[in-house]
Amino acid sequence: NTAWAFAKAGHASPALFDALAAASTARVGDFKPQNLANTAWAFATVGHASPALFDALAAASTTLVGDFKPQELANTAWAF
């Protein structure tokens, strides 16, 4: 997950996160719980606002919440 790697490295490139937000919003329906959690965590960690992405992450997470592992659930809740 590119967003996770850049957030973990502390590199909050606005242009990169804008591009990742656009691409992720279009594909969030294909994400597994770990992808949803990592994406939410990464954007929250770098402080990059993306309301459309977070709306899509929330909708997808709601559908899959029963499949989340405890850490994925905690990371997602923290990000929001």
N, C-alpha and C. Protein backbone atom coordinates (compact mmCIF):
# COMPACT_ATOMS: atom_id res chain seq x y z
N ASN A 1 0.84 -1.17 0.00
CA ASN A 1 0.00 0.00 0.00
C ASN A 1 0.89 1.24 0.00
N THR A 2 0.85 1.96 -1.08
CA THR A 2 1.71 3.14 -1.26
C THR A 2 1.42 4.21 -0.22
N ALA A 3 0.14 4.47 0.03
CA ALA A 3 -0.21 5.49 1.02
C ALA A 3 0.36 5.13 2.39
N TRP A 4 0.23 3.87 2.78
CA TRP A 4 0.74 3.42 4.07
C TRP A 4 2.25 3.63 4.15
N ALA A 5 2.97 3.25 3.09
CA ALA A 5 4.43 3.36 3.09
C ALA A 5 4.89 4.81 3.22
N PHE A 6 4.27 5.71 2.49
CA PHE A 6 4.66 7.12 2.57
C PHE A 6 4.29 7.70 3.94
N ALA A 7 3.15 7.32 4.48
CA ALA A 7 2.77 7.81 5.81
C ALA A 7 3.72 7.27 6.86
N LYS A 8 4.07 6.01 6.77
CA LYS A 8 4.99 5.39 7.73
C LYS A 8 6.36 6.08 7.69
N ALA A 9 6.77 6.49 6.48
CA ALA A 9 8.06 7.17 6.32
C ALA A 9 7.98 8.65 6.69
N GLY A 10 6.77 9.14 6.97
CA GLY A 10 6.60 10.54 7.33
C GLY A 10 6.69 11.49 6.16
N HIS A 11 6.41 10.99 4.97
CA HIS A 11 6.49 11.81 3.76
C HIS A 11 5.07 12.10 3.26
N ALA A 12 4.56 13.26 3.60
CA ALA A 12 3.18 13.63 3.30
C ALA A 12 3.09 14.47 2.03
N SER A 13 3.45 13.91 0.91
CA SER A 13 3.41 14.62 -0.37
C SER A 13 1.96 14.90 -0.77
N PRO A 14 1.54 16.17 -0.76
CA PRO A 14 0.15 16.48 -1.10
C PRO A 14 -0.25 16.01 -2.51
N ALA A 15 0.63 16.18 -3.47
CA ALA A 15 0.29 15.76 -4.83
C ALA A 15 0.10 14.25 -4.90
N LEU A 16 0.97 13.51 -4.25
CA LEU A 16 0.85 12.06 -4.23
C LEU A 16 -0.44 11.63 -3.54
N PHE A 17 -0.73 12.20 -2.37
CA PHE A 17 -1.93 11.81 -1.65
C PHE A 17 -3.21 12.23 -2.37
N ASP A 18 -3.17 13.34 -3.10
CA ASP A 18 -4.32 13.70 -3.94
C ASP A 18 -4.56 12.64 -5.02
N ALA A 19 -3.48 12.20 -5.67
CA ALA A 19 -3.60 11.18 -6.71
C ALA A 19 -4.06 9.84 -6.13
N LEU A 20 -3.51 9.48 -4.98
CA LEU A 20 -3.92 8.23 -4.33
C LEU A 20 -5.38 8.29 -3.89
N ALA A 21 -5.82 9.44 -3.43
CA ALA A 21 -7.22 9.59 -3.02
C ALA A 21 -8.15 9.38 -4.20
N ALA A 22 -7.82 9.98 -5.33
CA ALA A 22 -8.67 9.84 -6.51
C ALA A 22 -8.72 8.39 -6.98
N ALA A 23 -7.57 7.75 -7.04
CA ALA A 23 -7.52 6.36 -7.49
C ALA A 23 -8.20 5.43 -6.49
N SER A 24 -7.98 5.66 -5.22
CA SER A 24 -8.56 4.80 -4.19
C SER A 24 -10.07 4.94 -4.10
N THR A 25 -10.57 6.16 -4.22
CA THR A 25 -12.01 6.38 -4.16
C THR A 25 -12.72 5.58 -5.23
N ALA A 26 -12.12 5.51 -6.41
CA ALA A 26 -12.72 4.77 -7.52
C ALA A 26 -12.68 3.26 -7.32
N ARG A 27 -11.75 2.78 -6.49
CA ARG A 27 -11.55 1.33 -6.34
C ARG A 27 -11.85 0.78 -4.95
N VAL A 28 -12.32 1.62 -4.06
CA VAL A 28 -12.48 1.21 -2.66
C VAL A 28 -13.42 0.01 -2.51
N GLY A 29 -14.33 -0.18 -3.43
CA GLY A 29 -15.22 -1.32 -3.39
C GLY A 29 -14.51 -2.65 -3.54
N ASP A 30 -13.29 -2.62 -4.07
CA ASP A 30 -12.49 -3.84 -4.24
C ASP A 30 -11.55 -4.10 -3.07
N PHE A 31 -11.50 -3.18 -2.11
CA PHE A 31 -10.56 -3.29 -1.00
C PHE A 31 -11.01 -4.35 0.00
N LYS A 32 -10.04 -5.02 0.58
CA LYS A 32 -10.27 -5.92 1.70
C LYS A 32 -10.15 -5.10 2.98
N PRO A 33 -10.58 -5.64 4.13
CA PRO A 33 -10.50 -4.85 5.37
C PRO A 33 -9.12 -4.27 5.66
N GLN A 34 -8.06 -5.02 5.42
CA GLN A 34 -6.72 -4.48 5.69
C GLN A 34 -6.43 -3.29 4.79
N ASN A 35 -6.85 -3.32 3.54
CA ASN A 35 -6.64 -2.20 2.63
C ASN A 35 -7.41 -0.97 3.09
N LEU A 36 -8.64 -1.19 3.54
CA LEU A 36 -9.45 -0.07 4.04
C LEU A 36 -8.80 0.56 5.27
N ALA A 37 -8.38 -0.29 6.21
CA ALA A 37 -7.76 0.21 7.44
C ALA A 37 -6.45 0.93 7.15
N ASN A 38 -5.61 0.35 6.31
CA ASN A 38 -4.32 0.97 6.01
C ASN A 38 -4.48 2.30 5.30
N THR A 39 -5.44 2.37 4.39
CA THR A 39 -5.66 3.62 3.65
C THR A 39 -6.16 4.71 4.59
N ALA A 40 -7.15 4.38 5.41
CA ALA A 40 -7.66 5.37 6.36
C ALA A 40 -6.56 5.82 7.31
N TRP A 41 -5.79 4.86 7.82
CA TRP A 41 -4.71 5.18 8.75
C TRP A 41 -3.68 6.11 8.09
N ALA A 42 -3.31 5.80 6.86
CA ALA A 42 -2.28 6.58 6.17
C ALA A 42 -2.71 8.03 5.98
N PHE A 43 -3.93 8.23 5.49
CA PHE A 43 -4.40 9.59 5.25
C PHE A 43 -4.54 10.36 6.57
N ALA A 44 -5.02 9.71 7.61
CA ALA A 44 -5.14 10.37 8.91
C ALA A 44 -3.77 10.69 9.50
N THR A 45 -2.83 9.77 9.33
CA THR A 45 -1.49 9.96 9.88
C THR A 45 -0.79 11.17 9.29
N VAL A 46 -0.91 11.35 7.98
CA VAL A 46 -0.25 12.50 7.34
C VAL A 46 -1.12 13.75 7.39
N GLY A 47 -2.37 13.62 7.87
CA GLY A 47 -3.25 14.77 7.96
C GLY A 47 -3.76 15.27 6.63
N HIS A 48 -3.90 14.36 5.68
CA HIS A 48 -4.37 14.74 4.35
C HIS A 48 -5.88 14.54 4.26
N ALA A 49 -6.61 15.64 4.20
CA ALA A 49 -8.07 15.58 4.13
C ALA A 49 -8.52 15.12 2.74
N SER A 50 -9.45 14.19 2.74
CA SER A 50 -10.06 13.73 1.50
C SER A 50 -11.47 13.25 1.82
N PRO A 51 -12.42 14.18 1.92
CA PRO A 51 -13.78 13.80 2.32
C PRO A 51 -14.41 12.73 1.42
N ALA A 52 -14.20 12.81 0.12
CA ALA A 52 -14.80 11.82 -0.78
C ALA A 52 -14.22 10.44 -0.51
N LEU A 53 -12.92 10.36 -0.29
CA LEU A 53 -12.29 9.08 0.01
C LEU A 53 -12.82 8.53 1.33
N PHE A 54 -12.89 9.38 2.36
CA PHE A 54 -13.36 8.89 3.65
C PHE A 54 -14.83 8.48 3.62
N ASP A 55 -15.63 9.15 2.80
CA ASP A 55 -17.02 8.71 2.62
C ASP A 55 -17.06 7.31 2.00
N ALA A 56 -16.21 7.09 0.99
CA ALA A 56 -16.15 5.78 0.33
C ALA A 56 -15.60 4.72 1.28
N LEU A 57 -14.57 5.06 2.06
CA LEU A 57 -14.02 4.13 3.04
C LEU A 57 -15.07 3.76 4.09
N ALA A 58 -15.83 4.75 4.54
CA ALA A 58 -16.87 4.49 5.54
C ALA A 58 -17.93 3.54 4.99
N ALA A 59 -18.37 3.77 3.77
CA ALA A 59 -19.39 2.91 3.18
C ALA A 59 -18.87 1.48 3.02
N ALA A 60 -17.66 1.33 2.53
CA ALA A 60 -17.09 0.00 2.33
C ALA A 60 -16.82 -0.69 3.66
N SER A 61 -16.37 0.07 4.65
CA SER A 61 -16.09 -0.51 5.96
C SER A 61 -17.37 -0.99 6.63
N THR A 62 -18.44 -0.25 6.46
CA THR A 62 -19.72 -0.64 7.03
C THR A 62 -20.16 -2.00 6.49
N THR A 63 -19.94 -2.21 5.22
CA THR A 63 -20.31 -3.47 4.58
C THR A 63 -19.47 -4.64 5.09
N LEU A 64 -18.19 -4.39 5.36
CA LEU A 64 -17.26 -5.46 5.72
C LEU A 64 -16.88 -5.50 7.20
N VAL A 65 -17.52 -4.70 8.02
CA VAL A 65 -17.07 -4.55 9.41
C VAL A 65 -16.97 -5.90 10.15
N GLY A 66 -17.79 -6.85 9.81
CA GLY A 66 -17.73 -8.16 10.46
C GLY A 66 -16.49 -8.96 10.09
N ASP A 67 -15.81 -8.55 9.02
CA ASP A 67 -14.60 -9.25 8.57
C ASP A 67 -13.31 -8.61 9.07
N PHE A 68 -13.42 -7.47 9.74
CA PHE A 68 -12.23 -6.77 10.23
C PHE A 68 -11.61 -7.53 11.39
N LYS A 69 -10.28 -7.60 11.40
CA LYS A 69 -9.55 -8.09 12.56
C LYS A 69 -9.53 -6.95 13.59
N PRO A 70 -9.32 -7.25 14.86
CA PRO A 70 -9.35 -6.20 15.88
C PRO A 70 -8.43 -5.01 15.57
N GLN A 71 -7.22 -5.25 15.11
CA GLN A 71 -6.30 -4.15 14.82
C GLN A 71 -6.78 -3.31 13.65
N GLU A 72 -7.36 -3.94 12.65
CA GLU A 72 -7.90 -3.21 11.50
C GLU A 72 -9.05 -2.32 11.94
N LEU A 73 -9.90 -2.85 12.80
CA LEU A 73 -11.02 -2.08 13.32
C LEU A 73 -10.54 -0.90 14.15
N ALA A 74 -9.55 -1.14 15.00
CA ALA A 74 -9.01 -0.05 15.83
C ALA A 74 -8.36 1.03 14.98
N ASN A 75 -7.58 0.63 13.98
CA ASN A 75 -6.92 1.61 13.11
C ASN A 75 -7.93 2.44 12.34
N THR A 76 -8.97 1.78 11.85
CA THR A 76 -10.00 2.49 11.09
C THR A 76 -10.75 3.46 11.98
N ALA A 77 -11.13 3.01 13.17
CA ALA A 77 -11.83 3.89 14.10
C ALA A 77 -10.97 5.10 14.46
N TRP A 78 -9.68 4.86 14.71
CA TRP A 78 -8.77 5.96 15.04
C TRP A 78 -8.69 6.97 13.90
N ALA A 79 -8.64 6.48 12.67
CA ALA A 79 -8.47 7.36 11.51
C ALA A 79 -9.66 8.30 11.33
N PHE A 80 -10.83 7.84 11.71
CA PHE A 80 -12.02 8.65 11.56
C PHE A 80 -12.19 9.60 12.74
